Amino acid sequence: MKVTQPVRLTMVGGGSWATALVKILSENNVSVKWWLRKAADAEHIKKFGHNPSYLSDVQINTRKVKVCTKIREAFRDSDYIILAVPAAFISDALTGLKPEHFNGKSVVSAIKGMIPGANQLVTDWVSEQYNIPTGRMSVIAGPCHAEEVALEKQSYLTIASQDSDCAKRVADLLCCRFVQTTPVDDIYGIEYSAVMKNIIALACGITRGLGYGDNFQAVLVSNAMQEIKRFVDAIYPKHRDLSGSAYLGDLLVTAYSPFSRNRTFGTLIGRGYTIQSAQAEMNMIAEGYYAVKSIYEINRKFNVDMPITNAVYNILYERAAPTGEMNALKQVLK
């Protein structure tokens, strides 16, 4: 019987989502080189088979997964690269790499954020920096929390790429006994929606911290879906059904789940924490904090009606009082 060689893949990132993806990939015929910035974490995984900093209960199959701290070594001989670091730190993570290090490789973004300052989607930035054809770029979308993957709860992922074959290949890599995957072609719609749902989760957290109830949050989320549609349709017009799990489903789980770091961050802000103290309280990055500034600045060109995004921006970047912003927002929601 012919033995199929494992797919060679590099995972970039040492956080909870990277750890969860490594667990999923280990279920399949995939050989993973896992790059981590922290040498101590890498050594711990080699010795004990689990990540000491994130999802420490997840057992890592070290026969299939080799950890390293040198990015060029991690990229060598791989067919696929999955990027799973916060968008604000992707440039630092890839320091030392040149376009030739990406030759022949398919690149998958598992990042739900935007490049601060550049106001670019991660796929656009990576493609531009390293001359990667768009047909070899794809993104991973939810709804899917790393914590539930760790518990092997039934989960769903959507893989988007402009190239349908690329989307299907990546979807096959990530499909396992507790994860179902669906390939689609709306890479920009899904990527922008994933960025915006983090902003909405911040708003939900802020209202929760202020003491608003479920009734208000239901109205907030339904208005948020309309806001996302207006923005995505303006920036990348395409026929799409935003009631799908990659859009609405991802928004719902991020807005309501206690696992949502953006909701948690927003809750702390609503309770009166400063941005610095809220960031110090958390051991993870809330992508929505950076994303809201990017989306706000991009929207200066498109002038889409985005009252929820504007309210969150004003609170986080203009130091507006959360109580006043939410009082104003509740007058325009329907």
C-alpha atoms as a PDB file:
ATOM      1  CA  MET A   1       0.000   0.000   0.000  1.00  0.00           C
ATOM      2  CA  LYS A   2       1.367   3.419  -0.953  1.00  0.00           C
ATOM      3  CA  VAL A   3       2.213   5.630   2.014  1.00  0.00           C
ATOM      4  CA  THR A   4       1.251   9.285   1.510  1.00  0.00           C
ATOM      5  CA  GLN A   5       3.901  11.755   2.608  1.00  0.00           C
ATOM      6  CA  PRO A   6       2.679  14.261   5.209  1.00  0.00           C
ATOM      7  CA  VAL A   7       2.006  17.836   4.162  1.00  0.00           C
ATOM      8  CA  ARG A   8       4.768  20.106   5.449  1.00  0.00           C
ATOM      9  CA  LEU A   9       3.477  23.174   7.248  1.00  0.00           C
ATOM     10  CA  THR A  10       4.871  26.023   9.337  1.00  0.00           C
ATOM     11  CA  MET A  11       2.873  27.610  12.164  1.00  0.00           C
ATOM     12  CA  VAL A  12       3.940  31.145  13.109  1.00  0.00           C
ATOM     13  CA  GLY A  13       2.788  32.191  16.580  1.00  0.00           C
ATOM     14  CA  GLY A  14       2.715  30.851  20.111  1.00  0.00           C
ATOM     15  CA  GLY A  15      -0.658  32.050  21.390  1.00  0.00           C
ATOM     16  CA  SER A  16      -3.933  30.284  22.081  1.00  0.00           C
ATOM     17  CA  TRP A  17      -5.175  30.306  18.468  1.00  0.00           C
ATOM     18  CA  ALA A  18      -1.849  28.997  17.141  1.00  0.00           C
ATOM     19  CA  THR A  19      -1.924  26.268  19.797  1.00  0.00           C
ATOM     20  CA  ALA A  20      -5.485  25.298  18.867  1.00  0.00           C
ATOM     21  CA  LEU A  21      -4.607  25.153  15.152  1.00  0.00           C
ATOM     22  CA  VAL A  22      -1.584  22.963  15.890  1.00  0.00           C
ATOM     23  CA  LYS A  23      -3.904  20.596  17.754  1.00  0.00           C
ATOM     24  CA  ILE A  24      -6.286  20.453  14.755  1.00  0.00           C
ATOM     25  CA  LEU A  25      -3.464  19.878  12.269  1.00  0.00           C
ATOM     26  CA  SER A  26      -2.035  17.099  14.434  1.00  0.00           C
ATOM     27  CA  GLU A  27      -5.227  15.142  13.803  1.00  0.00           C
ATOM     28  CA  ASN A  28      -4.272  14.855  10.120  1.00  0.00           C
ATOM     29  CA  ASN A  29      -1.336  13.773   7.978  1.00  0.00           C
ATOM     30  CA  VAL A  30       0.540  17.017   8.515  1.00  0.00           C
ATOM     31  CA  SER A  31       4.108  17.590   9.685  1.00  0.00           C
ATOM     32  CA  VAL A  32       4.242  20.890  11.586  1.00  0.00           C
ATOM     33  CA  LYS A  33       7.193  23.144  12.284  1.00  0.00           C
ATOM     34  CA  TRP A  34       5.988  25.496  15.000  1.00  0.00           C
ATOM     35  CA  TRP A  35       7.776  28.830  15.392  1.00  0.00           C
ATOM     36  CA  LEU A  36       7.540  30.519  18.783  1.00  0.00           C
ATOM     37  CA  ARG A  37       9.204  33.745  19.825  1.00  0.00           C
ATOM     38  CA  LYS A  38       9.766  32.677  23.449  1.00  0.00           C
ATOM     39  CA  ALA A  39      12.623  30.217  23.756  1.00  0.00           C
ATOM     40  CA  ALA A  40      11.430  29.128  27.211  1.00  0.00           C
ATOM     41  CA  ASP A  41       8.013  28.140  25.831  1.00  0.00           C
ATOM     42  CA  ALA A  42       9.636  26.268  22.947  1.00  0.00           C
ATOM     43  CA  GLU A  43      11.842  24.294  25.322  1.00  0.00           C
ATOM     44  CA  HIS A  44       8.896  23.542  27.583  1.00  0.00           C
ATOM     45  CA  ILE A  45       6.878  22.149  24.664  1.00  0.00           C
ATOM     46  CA  LYS A  46       9.820  19.978  23.580  1.00  0.00           C
ATOM     47  CA  LYS A  47      10.202  18.595  27.085  1.00  0.00           C
ATOM     48  CA  PHE A  48       6.626  18.314  28.353  1.00  0.00           C
ATOM     49  CA  GLY A  49       4.434  18.405  25.235  1.00  0.00           C
ATOM     50  CA  HIS A  50       2.236  21.373  26.099  1.00  0.00           C
ATOM     51  CA  ASN A  51       2.318  25.156  25.796  1.00  0.00           C
ATOM     52  CA  PRO A  52       2.942  26.602  29.276  1.00  0.00           C
ATOM     53  CA  SER A  53       1.527  30.028  28.402  1.00  0.00           C
ATOM     54  CA  TYR A  54      -1.681  29.249  26.470  1.00  0.00           C
ATOM     55  CA  LEU A  55      -4.154  26.341  26.470  1.00  0.00           C
ATOM     56  CA  SER A  56      -1.756  24.424  28.697  1.00  0.00           C
ATOM     57  CA  ASP A  57      -4.116  21.426  28.903  1.00  0.00           C
ATOM     58  CA  VAL A  58      -3.684  20.720  25.177  1.00  0.00           C
ATOM     59  CA  GLN A  59      -1.270  17.846  24.655  1.00  0.00           C
ATOM     60  CA  ILE A  60       1.034  18.474  21.690  1.00  0.00           C
ATOM     61  CA  ASN A  61       1.949  15.471  19.552  1.00  0.00           C
ATOM     62  CA  THR A  62       5.712  16.053  19.419  1.00  0.00           C
ATOM     63  CA  ARG A  63       6.124  13.237  16.876  1.00  0.00           C
ATOM     64  CA  LYS A  64       4.267  15.406  14.373  1.00  0.00           C
ATOM     65  CA  VAL A  65       5.146  18.840  15.732  1.00  0.00           C
ATOM     66  CA  LYS A  66       8.674  20.235  15.925  1.00  0.00           C
ATOM     67  CA  VAL A  67       9.147  23.577  17.660  1.00  0.00           C
ATOM     68  CA  CYS A  68      11.818  26.143  16.855  1.00  0.00           C
ATOM     69  CA  THR A  69      12.654  29.784  17.484  1.00  0.00           C
ATOM     70  CA  LYS A  70      14.466  30.610  14.223  1.00  0.00           C
ATOM     71  CA  ILE A  71      12.031  31.852  11.613  1.00  0.00           C
ATOM     72  CA  ARG A  72      14.122  30.935   8.564  1.00  0.00           C
ATOM     73  CA  GLU A  73      14.580  27.422   9.858  1.00  0.00           C
ATOM     74  CA  ALA A  74      10.838  27.175  10.427  1.00  0.00           C
ATOM     75  CA  PHE A  75      10.119  28.181   6.821  1.00  0.00           C
ATOM     76  CA  ARG A  76      12.593  25.774   5.237  1.00  0.00           C
ATOM     77  CA  ASP A  77      10.963  23.028   3.088  1.00  0.00           C
ATOM     78  CA  SER A  78       7.392  23.913   4.108  1.00  0.00           C
ATOM     79  CA  ASP A  79       4.504  23.873   1.632  1.00  0.00           C
ATOM     80  CA  TYR A  80       2.140  25.970   3.754  1.00  0.00           C
ATOM     81  CA  ILE A  81       2.646  28.862   6.166  1.00  0.00           C
ATOM     82  CA  ILE A  82      -0.051  29.706   8.728  1.00  0.00           C
ATOM     83  CA  LEU A  83       0.277  33.132  10.343  1.00  0.00           C
ATOM     84  CA  ALA A  84      -1.265  33.240  13.819  1.00  0.00           C
ATOM     85  CA  VAL A  85       0.259  36.213  15.620  1.00  0.00           C
ATOM     86  CA  PRO A  86      -1.521  39.503  16.400  1.00  0.00           C
ATOM     87  CA  ALA A  87      -1.616  41.789  13.362  1.00  0.00           C
ATOM     88  CA  ALA A  88       0.345  44.473  15.215  1.00  0.00           C
ATOM     89  CA  PHE A  89       3.296  42.087  15.596  1.00  0.00           C
ATOM     90  CA  ILE A  90       3.353  40.294  12.241  1.00  0.00           C
ATOM     91  CA  SER A  91       6.131  42.502  10.881  1.00  0.00           C
ATOM     92  CA  ASP A  92       8.360  41.726  13.870  1.00  0.00           C
ATOM     93  CA  ALA A  93       7.587  38.007  13.643  1.00  0.00           C
ATOM     94  CA  LEU A  94       8.680  37.864   9.996  1.00  0.00           C
ATOM     95  CA  THR A  95      11.833  39.943  10.468  1.00  0.00           C
ATOM     96  CA  GLY A  96      14.698  38.524   8.437  1.00  0.00           C
ATOM     97  CA  LEU A  97      12.532  36.936   5.767  1.00  0.00           C
ATOM     98  CA  LYS A  98      12.635  37.944   2.104  1.00  0.00           C
ATOM     99  CA  PRO A  99      10.302  37.214  -0.818  1.00  0.00           C
ATOM    100  CA  GLU A 100      12.412  34.202  -1.830  1.00  0.00           C
ATOM    101  CA  HIS A 101      11.636  32.529   1.505  1.00  0.00           C
ATOM    102  CA  PHE A 102       7.977  32.438   0.441  1.00  0.00           C
ATOM    103  CA  ASN A 103       8.618  31.011  -3.040  1.00  0.00           C
ATOM    104  CA  GLY A 104       6.251  28.168  -3.858  1.00  0.00           C
ATOM    105  CA  LYS A 105       4.484  28.346  -0.504  1.00  0.00           C
ATOM    106  CA  SER A 106       0.802  28.911   0.196  1.00  0.00           C
ATOM    107  CA  VAL A 107       0.213  31.457   2.965  1.00  0.00           C
ATOM    108  CA  VAL A 108      -2.765  31.250   5.303  1.00  0.00           C
ATOM    109  CA  SER A 109      -3.763  34.114   7.603  1.00  0.00           C
ATOM    110  CA  ALA A 110      -5.406  33.089  10.856  1.00  0.00           C
ATOM    111  CA  ILE A 111      -5.216  36.718  12.002  1.00  0.00           C
ATOM    112  CA  LYS A 112      -8.433  38.695  12.536  1.00  0.00           C
ATOM    113  CA  GLY A 113      -6.926  42.140  12.602  1.00  0.00           C
ATOM    114  CA  MET A 114      -5.395  44.880  10.492  1.00  0.00           C
ATOM    115  CA  ILE A 115      -1.869  46.217  10.171  1.00  0.00           C
ATOM    116  CA  PRO A 116      -1.793  49.341  12.381  1.00  0.00           C
ATOM    117  CA  GLY A 117      -0.648  52.492  10.622  1.00  0.00           C
ATOM    118  CA  ALA A 118      -0.791  50.915   7.180  1.00  0.00           C
ATOM    119  CA  ASN A 119      -4.531  50.219   7.609  1.00  0.00           C
ATOM    120  CA  GLN A 120      -4.155  47.095   5.486  1.00  0.00           C
ATOM    121  CA  LEU A 121      -5.639  43.643   5.737  1.00  0.00           C
ATOM    122  CA  VAL A 122      -3.038  41.079   6.709  1.00  0.00           C
ATOM    123  CA  THR A 123      -3.338  39.248   3.380  1.00  0.00           C
ATOM    124  CA  ASP A 124      -2.807  42.465   1.409  1.00  0.00           C
ATOM    125  CA  TRP A 125       0.193  43.445   3.512  1.00  0.00           C
ATOM    126  CA  VAL A 126       1.861  40.031   3.307  1.00  0.00           C
ATOM    127  CA  SER A 127       1.191  39.724  -0.420  1.00  0.00           C
ATOM    128  CA  GLU A 128       2.667  43.187  -1.027  1.00  0.00           C
ATOM    129  CA  GLN A 129       5.703  42.756   1.221  1.00  0.00           C
ATOM    130  CA  TYR A 130       6.697  39.311  -0.029  1.00  0.00           C
ATOM    131  CA  ASN A 131       5.375  39.268  -3.612  1.00  0.00           C
ATOM    132  CA  ILE A 132       2.928  36.433  -2.989  1.00  0.00           C
ATOM    133  CA  PRO A 133       0.280  35.858  -5.703  1.00  0.00           C
ATOM    134  CA  THR A 134      -3.254  36.364  -4.397  1.00  0.00           C
ATOM    135  CA  GLY A 135      -4.114  32.849  -5.576  1.00  0.00           C
ATOM    136  CA  ARG A 136      -1.770  31.443  -2.942  1.00  0.00           C
ATOM    137  CA  MET A 137      -3.259  33.500  -0.097  1.00  0.00           C
ATOM    138  CA  SER A 138      -6.149  32.342   2.083  1.00  0.00           C
ATOM    139  CA  VAL A 139      -7.754  33.225   5.416  1.00  0.00           C
ATOM    140  CA  ILE A 140      -9.275  31.199   8.237  1.00  0.00           C
ATOM    141  CA  ALA A 141     -12.586  32.423   9.653  1.00  0.00           C
ATOM    142  CA  GLY A 142     -14.814  31.154  12.453  1.00  0.00           C
ATOM    143  CA  PRO A 143     -16.995  30.977  14.351  1.00  0.00           C
ATOM    144  CA  CYS A 144     -14.417  29.162  16.421  1.00  0.00           C
ATOM    145  CA  HIS A 145     -12.825  29.879  19.808  1.00  0.00           C
ATOM    146  CA  ALA A 146      -9.482  28.322  20.624  1.00  0.00           C
ATOM    147  CA  GLU A 147     -10.699  27.320  24.078  1.00  0.00           C
ATOM    148  CA  GLU A 148     -13.460  25.134  22.624  1.00  0.00           C
ATOM    149  CA  VAL A 149     -11.074  23.533  20.134  1.00  0.00           C
ATOM    150  CA  ALA A 150      -8.923  22.614  23.130  1.00  0.00           C
ATOM    151  CA  LEU A 151     -11.941  20.839  24.614  1.00  0.00           C
ATOM    152  CA  GLU A 152     -12.671  19.160  21.246  1.00  0.00           C
ATOM    153  CA  LYS A 153     -16.135  20.695  21.091  1.00  0.00           C
ATOM    154  CA  GLN A 154     -17.742  20.569  17.649  1.00  0.00           C
ATOM    155  CA  SER A 155     -16.508  23.587  15.710  1.00  0.00           C
ATOM    156  CA  TYR A 156     -16.678  25.071  12.213  1.00  0.00           C
ATOM    157  CA  LEU A 157     -14.145  26.953  10.097  1.00  0.00           C
ATOM    158  CA  THR A 158     -14.505  28.755   6.786  1.00  0.00           C
ATOM    159  CA  ILE A 159     -11.475  28.997   4.496  1.00  0.00           C
ATOM    160  CA  ALA A 160     -11.537  31.825   1.963  1.00  0.00           C
ATOM    161  CA  SER A 161      -9.297  32.346  -1.060  1.00  0.00           C
ATOM    162  CA  GLN A 162      -9.647  33.889  -4.492  1.00  0.00           C
ATOM    163  CA  ASP A 163      -8.446  30.536  -5.797  1.00  0.00           C
ATOM    164  CA  SER A 164     -11.045  27.830  -5.096  1.00  0.00           C
ATOM    165  CA  ASP A 165      -8.471  25.017  -5.248  1.00  0.00           C
ATOM    166  CA  CYS A 166      -6.301  26.792  -2.686  1.00  0.00           C
ATOM    167  CA  ALA A 167      -9.288  27.236  -0.354  1.00  0.00           C
ATOM    168  CA  LYS A 168     -10.207  23.558  -0.657  1.00  0.00           C
ATOM    169  CA  ARG A 169      -6.668  22.334   0.011  1.00  0.00           C
ATOM    170  CA  VAL A 170      -6.394  24.410   3.180  1.00  0.00           C
ATOM    171  CA  ALA A 171      -9.898  23.365   4.237  1.00  0.00           C
ATOM    172  CA  ASP A 172      -8.888  19.720   3.896  1.00  0.00           C
ATOM    173  CA  LEU A 173      -5.848  20.289   6.119  1.00  0.00           C
ATOM    174  CA  LEU A 174      -8.005  21.717   8.906  1.00  0.00           C
ATOM    175  CA  CYS A 175     -10.941  19.297   8.737  1.00  0.00           C
ATOM    176  CA  CYS A 176     -10.887  16.721  11.534  1.00  0.00           C
ATOM    177  CA  ARG A 177     -13.202  14.701  13.779  1.00  0.00           C
ATOM    178  CA  PHE A 178     -14.298  17.777  15.766  1.00  0.00           C
ATOM    179  CA  VAL A 179     -13.884  20.527  13.124  1.00  0.00           C
ATOM    180  CA  GLN A 180     -15.835  20.893   9.876  1.00  0.00           C
ATOM    181  CA  THR A 181     -14.508  23.214   7.186  1.00  0.00           C
ATOM    182  CA  THR A 182     -16.047  25.025   4.217  1.00  0.00           C
ATOM    183  CA  PRO A 183     -14.063  26.607   1.343  1.00  0.00           C
ATOM    184  CA  VAL A 184     -15.372  29.883  -0.150  1.00  0.00           C
ATOM    185  CA  ASP A 185     -14.082  32.647  -2.453  1.00  0.00           C
ATOM    186  CA  ASP A 186     -15.079  35.861  -0.609  1.00  0.00           C
ATOM    187  CA  ILE A 187     -11.677  36.485   0.965  1.00  0.00           C
ATOM    188  CA  TYR A 188     -12.079  40.258   1.372  1.00  0.00           C
ATOM    189  CA  GLY A 189     -15.646  40.130   2.648  1.00  0.00           C
ATOM    190  CA  ILE A 190     -14.729  37.511   5.227  1.00  0.00           C
ATOM    191  CA  GLU A 191     -11.508  39.220   6.271  1.00  0.00           C
ATOM    192  CA  TYR A 192     -13.142  42.628   6.736  1.00  0.00           C
ATOM    193  CA  SER A 193     -16.099  41.041   8.560  1.00  0.00           C
ATOM    194  CA  ALA A 194     -13.701  39.232  10.895  1.00  0.00           C
ATOM    195  CA  VAL A 195     -11.958  42.529  11.649  1.00  0.00           C
ATOM    196  CA  MET A 196     -15.223  44.353  12.289  1.00  0.00           C
ATOM    197  CA  LYS A 197     -16.773  41.714  14.530  1.00  0.00           C
ATOM    198  CA  ASN A 198     -13.965  42.392  16.996  1.00  0.00           C
ATOM    199  CA  ILE A 199     -14.970  46.061  17.088  1.00  0.00           C
ATOM    200  CA  ILE A 200     -18.570  45.056  17.730  1.00  0.00           C
ATOM    201  CA  ALA A 201     -17.453  42.717  20.518  1.00  0.00           C
ATOM    202  CA  LEU A 202     -15.671  45.670  22.122  1.00  0.00           C
ATOM    203  CA  ALA A 203     -18.936  47.621  21.995  1.00  0.00           C
ATOM    204  CA  CYS A 204     -20.826  44.687  23.521  1.00  0.00           C
ATOM    205  CA  GLY A 205     -18.278  44.451  26.295  1.00  0.00           C
ATOM    206  CA  ILE A 206     -18.432  48.181  26.991  1.00  0.00           C
ATOM    207  CA  THR A 207     -22.226  48.080  27.314  1.00  0.00           C
ATOM    208  CA  ARG A 208     -21.977  45.028  29.567  1.00  0.00           C
ATOM    209  CA  GLY A 209     -19.477  46.845  31.751  1.00  0.00           C
ATOM    210  CA  LEU A 210     -21.859  49.806  31.941  1.00  0.00           C
ATOM    211  CA  GLY A 211     -24.696  47.565  33.080  1.00  0.00           C
ATOM    212  CA  TYR A 212     -26.792  47.308  29.913  1.00  0.00           C
ATOM    213  CA  GLY A 213     -28.743  44.071  29.583  1.00  0.00           C
ATOM    214  CA  ASP A 214     -29.425  41.393  26.998  1.00  0.00           C
ATOM    215  CA  ASN A 215     -32.239  43.350  25.350  1.00  0.00           C
ATOM    216  CA  PHE A 216     -29.921  46.200  24.436  1.00  0.00           C
ATOM    217  CA  GLN A 217     -27.152  43.861  23.310  1.00  0.00           C
ATOM    218  CA  ALA A 218     -29.546  42.062  20.958  1.00  0.00           C
ATOM    219  CA  VAL A 219     -30.406  45.387  19.312  1.00  0.00           C
ATOM    220  CA  LEU A 220     -26.737  46.383  19.255  1.00  0.00           C
ATOM    221  CA  VAL A 221     -25.683  43.169  17.491  1.00  0.00           C
ATOM    222  CA  SER A 222     -28.509  43.286  14.934  1.00  0.00           C
ATOM    223  CA  ASN A 223     -27.576  46.890  14.086  1.00  0.00           C
ATOM    224  CA  ALA A 224     -23.941  45.858  13.958  1.00  0.00           C
ATOM    225  CA  MET A 225     -24.686  43.276  11.277  1.00  0.00           C
ATOM    226  CA  GLN A 226     -26.238  46.033   9.169  1.00  0.00           C
ATOM    227  CA  GLU A 227     -23.209  48.248   9.816  1.00  0.00           C
ATOM    228  CA  ILE A 228     -20.823  45.496   8.717  1.00  0.00           C
ATOM    229  CA  LYS A 229     -22.854  44.931   5.543  1.00  0.00           C
ATOM    230  CA  ARG A 230     -22.845  48.642   4.650  1.00  0.00           C
ATOM    231  CA  PHE A 231     -19.091  48.874   5.107  1.00  0.00           C
ATOM    232  CA  VAL A 232     -18.118  45.629   3.358  1.00  0.00           C
ATOM    233  CA  ASP A 233     -20.450  46.324   0.428  1.00  0.00           C
ATOM    234  CA  ALA A 234     -18.932  49.796   0.041  1.00  0.00           C
ATOM    235  CA  ILE A 235     -15.315  48.707   0.181  1.00  0.00           C
ATOM    236  CA  TYR A 236     -15.627  45.440  -1.760  1.00  0.00           C
ATOM    237  CA  PRO A 237     -18.953  45.108  -3.613  1.00  0.00           C
ATOM    238  CA  LYS A 238     -19.952  41.487  -4.184  1.00  0.00           C
ATOM    239  CA  HIS A 239     -23.052  39.372  -3.801  1.00  0.00           C
ATOM    240  CA  ARG A 240     -22.700  37.694  -0.403  1.00  0.00           C
ATOM    241  CA  ASP A 241     -25.006  36.262   2.223  1.00  0.00           C
ATOM    242  CA  LEU A 242     -23.940  37.771   5.529  1.00  0.00           C
ATOM    243  CA  SER A 243     -26.216  35.400   7.434  1.00  0.00           C
ATOM    244  CA  GLY A 244     -23.616  32.660   6.843  1.00  0.00           C
ATOM    245  CA  SER A 245     -21.592  31.285   9.738  1.00  0.00           C
ATOM    246  CA  ALA A 246     -18.359  32.982   8.604  1.00  0.00           C
ATOM    247  CA  TYR A 247     -20.074  36.383   8.943  1.00  0.00           C
ATOM    248  CA  LEU A 248     -23.030  36.328  11.349  1.00  0.00           C
ATOM    249  CA  GLY A 249     -21.863  33.221  13.198  1.00  0.00           C
ATOM    250  CA  ASP A 250     -18.423  34.677  13.860  1.00  0.00           C
ATOM    251  CA  LEU A 251     -19.995  37.943  15.026  1.00  0.00           C
ATOM    252  CA  LEU A 252     -22.351  36.181  17.440  1.00  0.00           C
ATOM    253  CA  VAL A 253     -19.740  34.006  19.126  1.00  0.00           C
ATOM    254  CA  THR A 254     -17.354  36.941  19.520  1.00  0.00           C
ATOM    255  CA  ALA A 255     -20.059  39.281  20.823  1.00  0.00           C
ATOM    256  CA  TYR A 256     -21.586  36.872  23.350  1.00  0.00           C
ATOM    257  CA  SER A 257     -18.932  34.361  24.424  1.00  0.00           C
ATOM    258  CA  PRO A 258     -17.044  34.696  27.713  1.00  0.00           C
ATOM    259  CA  PHE A 259     -14.006  33.404  25.786  1.00  0.00           C
ATOM    260  CA  SER A 260     -13.994  36.547  23.610  1.00  0.00           C
ATOM    261  CA  ARG A 261     -10.945  38.642  24.457  1.00  0.00           C
ATOM    262  CA  ASN A 262     -12.436  41.691  22.684  1.00  0.00           C
ATOM    263  CA  ARG A 263     -15.638  41.463  24.708  1.00  0.00           C
ATOM    264  CA  THR A 264     -13.548  41.052  27.870  1.00  0.00           C
ATOM    265  CA  PHE A 265     -11.427  44.084  27.004  1.00  0.00           C
ATOM    266  CA  GLY A 266     -14.549  46.137  26.323  1.00  0.00           C
ATOM    267  CA  THR A 267     -16.110  45.053  29.607  1.00  0.00           C
ATOM    268  CA  LEU A 268     -13.089  46.335  31.501  1.00  0.00           C
ATOM    269  CA  ILE A 269     -13.292  49.670  29.674  1.00  0.00           C
ATOM    270  CA  GLY A 270     -16.996  49.912  30.495  1.00  0.00           C
ATOM    271  CA  ARG A 271     -16.215  49.295  34.156  1.00  0.00           C
ATOM    272  CA  GLY A 272     -13.862  52.260  34.217  1.00  0.00           C
ATOM    273  CA  TYR A 273     -10.470  50.708  33.514  1.00  0.00           C
ATOM    274  CA  THR A 274      -8.019  52.792  31.539  1.00  0.00           C
ATOM    275  CA  ILE A 275      -6.795  51.307  28.274  1.00  0.00           C
ATOM    276  CA  GLN A 276      -3.396  50.618  29.829  1.00  0.00           C
ATOM    277  CA  SER A 277      -4.841  48.916  32.891  1.00  0.00           C
ATOM    278  CA  ALA A 278      -7.249  46.847  30.786  1.00  0.00           C
ATOM    279  CA  GLN A 279      -4.366  45.678  28.565  1.00  0.00           C
ATOM    280  CA  ALA A 280      -2.307  44.819  31.637  1.00  0.00           C
ATOM    281  CA  GLU A 281      -5.208  42.792  33.063  1.00  0.00           C
ATOM    282  CA  MET A 282      -5.321  40.561  29.991  1.00  0.00           C
ATOM    283  CA  ASN A 283      -2.686  38.076  28.866  1.00  0.00           C
ATOM    284  CA  MET A 284      -3.865  38.287  25.245  1.00  0.00           C
ATOM    285  CA  ILE A 285      -4.204  40.943  22.542  1.00  0.00           C
ATOM    286  CA  ALA A 286      -7.639  42.368  21.766  1.00  0.00           C
ATOM    287  CA  GLU A 287      -7.360  42.879  17.993  1.00  0.00           C
ATOM    288  CA  GLY A 288     -10.351  45.210  18.010  1.00  0.00           C
ATOM    289  CA  TYR A 289      -8.370  47.905  19.818  1.00  0.00           C
ATOM    290  CA  TYR A 290      -6.077  48.365  16.812  1.00  0.00           C
ATOM    291  CA  ALA A 291      -8.712  47.485  14.218  1.00  0.00           C
ATOM    292  CA  VAL A 292     -11.178  50.218  15.162  1.00  0.00           C
ATOM    293  CA  LYS A 293      -8.609  52.920  14.382  1.00  0.00           C
ATOM    294  CA  SER A 294      -7.865  51.372  10.985  1.00  0.00           C
ATOM    295  CA  ILE A 295     -11.524  50.956  10.042  1.00  0.00           C
ATOM    296  CA  TYR A 296     -12.342  54.473  11.237  1.00  0.00           C
ATOM    297  CA  GLU A 297      -9.562  55.944   9.088  1.00  0.00           C
ATOM    298  CA  ILE A 298     -10.469  53.845   6.039  1.00  0.00           C
ATOM    299  CA  ASN A 299     -14.068  54.992   6.342  1.00  0.00           C
ATOM    300  CA  ARG A 300     -13.041  58.622   5.938  1.00  0.00           C
ATOM    301  CA  LYS A 301     -12.852  57.795   2.232  1.00  0.00           C
ATOM    302  CA  PHE A 302     -16.130  55.897   2.009  1.00  0.00           C
ATOM    303  CA  ASN A 303     -18.282  57.837   4.516  1.00  0.00           C
ATOM    304  CA  VAL A 304     -20.368  54.803   5.443  1.00  0.00           C
ATOM    305  CA  ASP A 305     -22.839  55.312   8.290  1.00  0.00           C
ATOM    306  CA  MET A 306     -21.072  53.480  11.159  1.00  0.00           C
ATOM    307  CA  PRO A 307     -22.341  54.730  14.531  1.00  0.00           C
ATOM    308  CA  ILE A 308     -21.121  51.716  16.538  1.00  0.00           C
ATOM    309  CA  THR A 309     -17.591  51.869  15.137  1.00  0.00           C
ATOM    310  CA  ASN A 310     -17.506  55.627  15.686  1.00  0.00           C
ATOM    311  CA  ALA A 311     -18.603  55.244  19.313  1.00  0.00           C
ATOM    312  CA  VAL A 312     -15.907  52.661  20.060  1.00  0.00           C
ATOM    313  CA  TYR A 313     -13.269  54.804  18.316  1.00  0.00           C
ATOM    314  CA  ASN A 314     -14.282  57.854  20.337  1.00  0.00           C
ATOM    315  CA  ILE A 315     -14.045  55.916  23.603  1.00  0.00           C
ATOM    316  CA  LEU A 316     -10.667  54.311  22.884  1.00  0.00           C
ATOM    317  CA  TYR A 317      -8.880  57.054  20.940  1.00  0.00           C
ATOM    318  CA  GLU A 318     -10.608  60.323  21.778  1.00  0.00           C
ATOM    319  CA  ARG A 319     -10.976  59.448  25.466  1.00  0.00           C
ATOM    320  CA  ALA A 320     -14.722  60.031  25.304  1.00  0.00           C
ATOM    321  CA  ALA A 321     -16.701  58.844  28.318  1.00  0.00           C
ATOM    322  CA  PRO A 322     -18.266  55.400  27.648  1.00  0.00           C
ATOM    323  CA  THR A 323     -21.506  56.476  29.344  1.00  0.00           C
ATOM    324  CA  GLY A 324     -21.944  59.481  27.065  1.00  0.00           C
ATOM    325  CA  GLU A 325     -21.093  57.591  23.881  1.00  0.00           C
ATOM    326  CA  MET A 326     -23.513  54.777  24.645  1.00  0.00           C
ATOM    327  CA  ASN A 327     -26.250  57.224  25.623  1.00  0.00           C
ATOM    328  CA  ALA A 328     -25.828  58.854  22.226  1.00  0.00           C
ATOM    329  CA  LEU A 329     -25.644  55.505  20.424  1.00  0.00           C
ATOM    330  CA  LYS A 330     -28.853  54.140  21.931  1.00  0.00           C
ATOM    331  CA  GLN A 331     -30.742  57.042  20.375  1.00  0.00           C
ATOM    332  CA  VAL A 332     -29.790  55.984  16.823  1.00  0.00           C
ATOM    333  CA  LEU A 333     -30.165  52.199  17.129  1.00  0.00           C
ATOM    334  CA  LYS A 334     -33.397  50.677  15.860  1.00  0.00           C
END
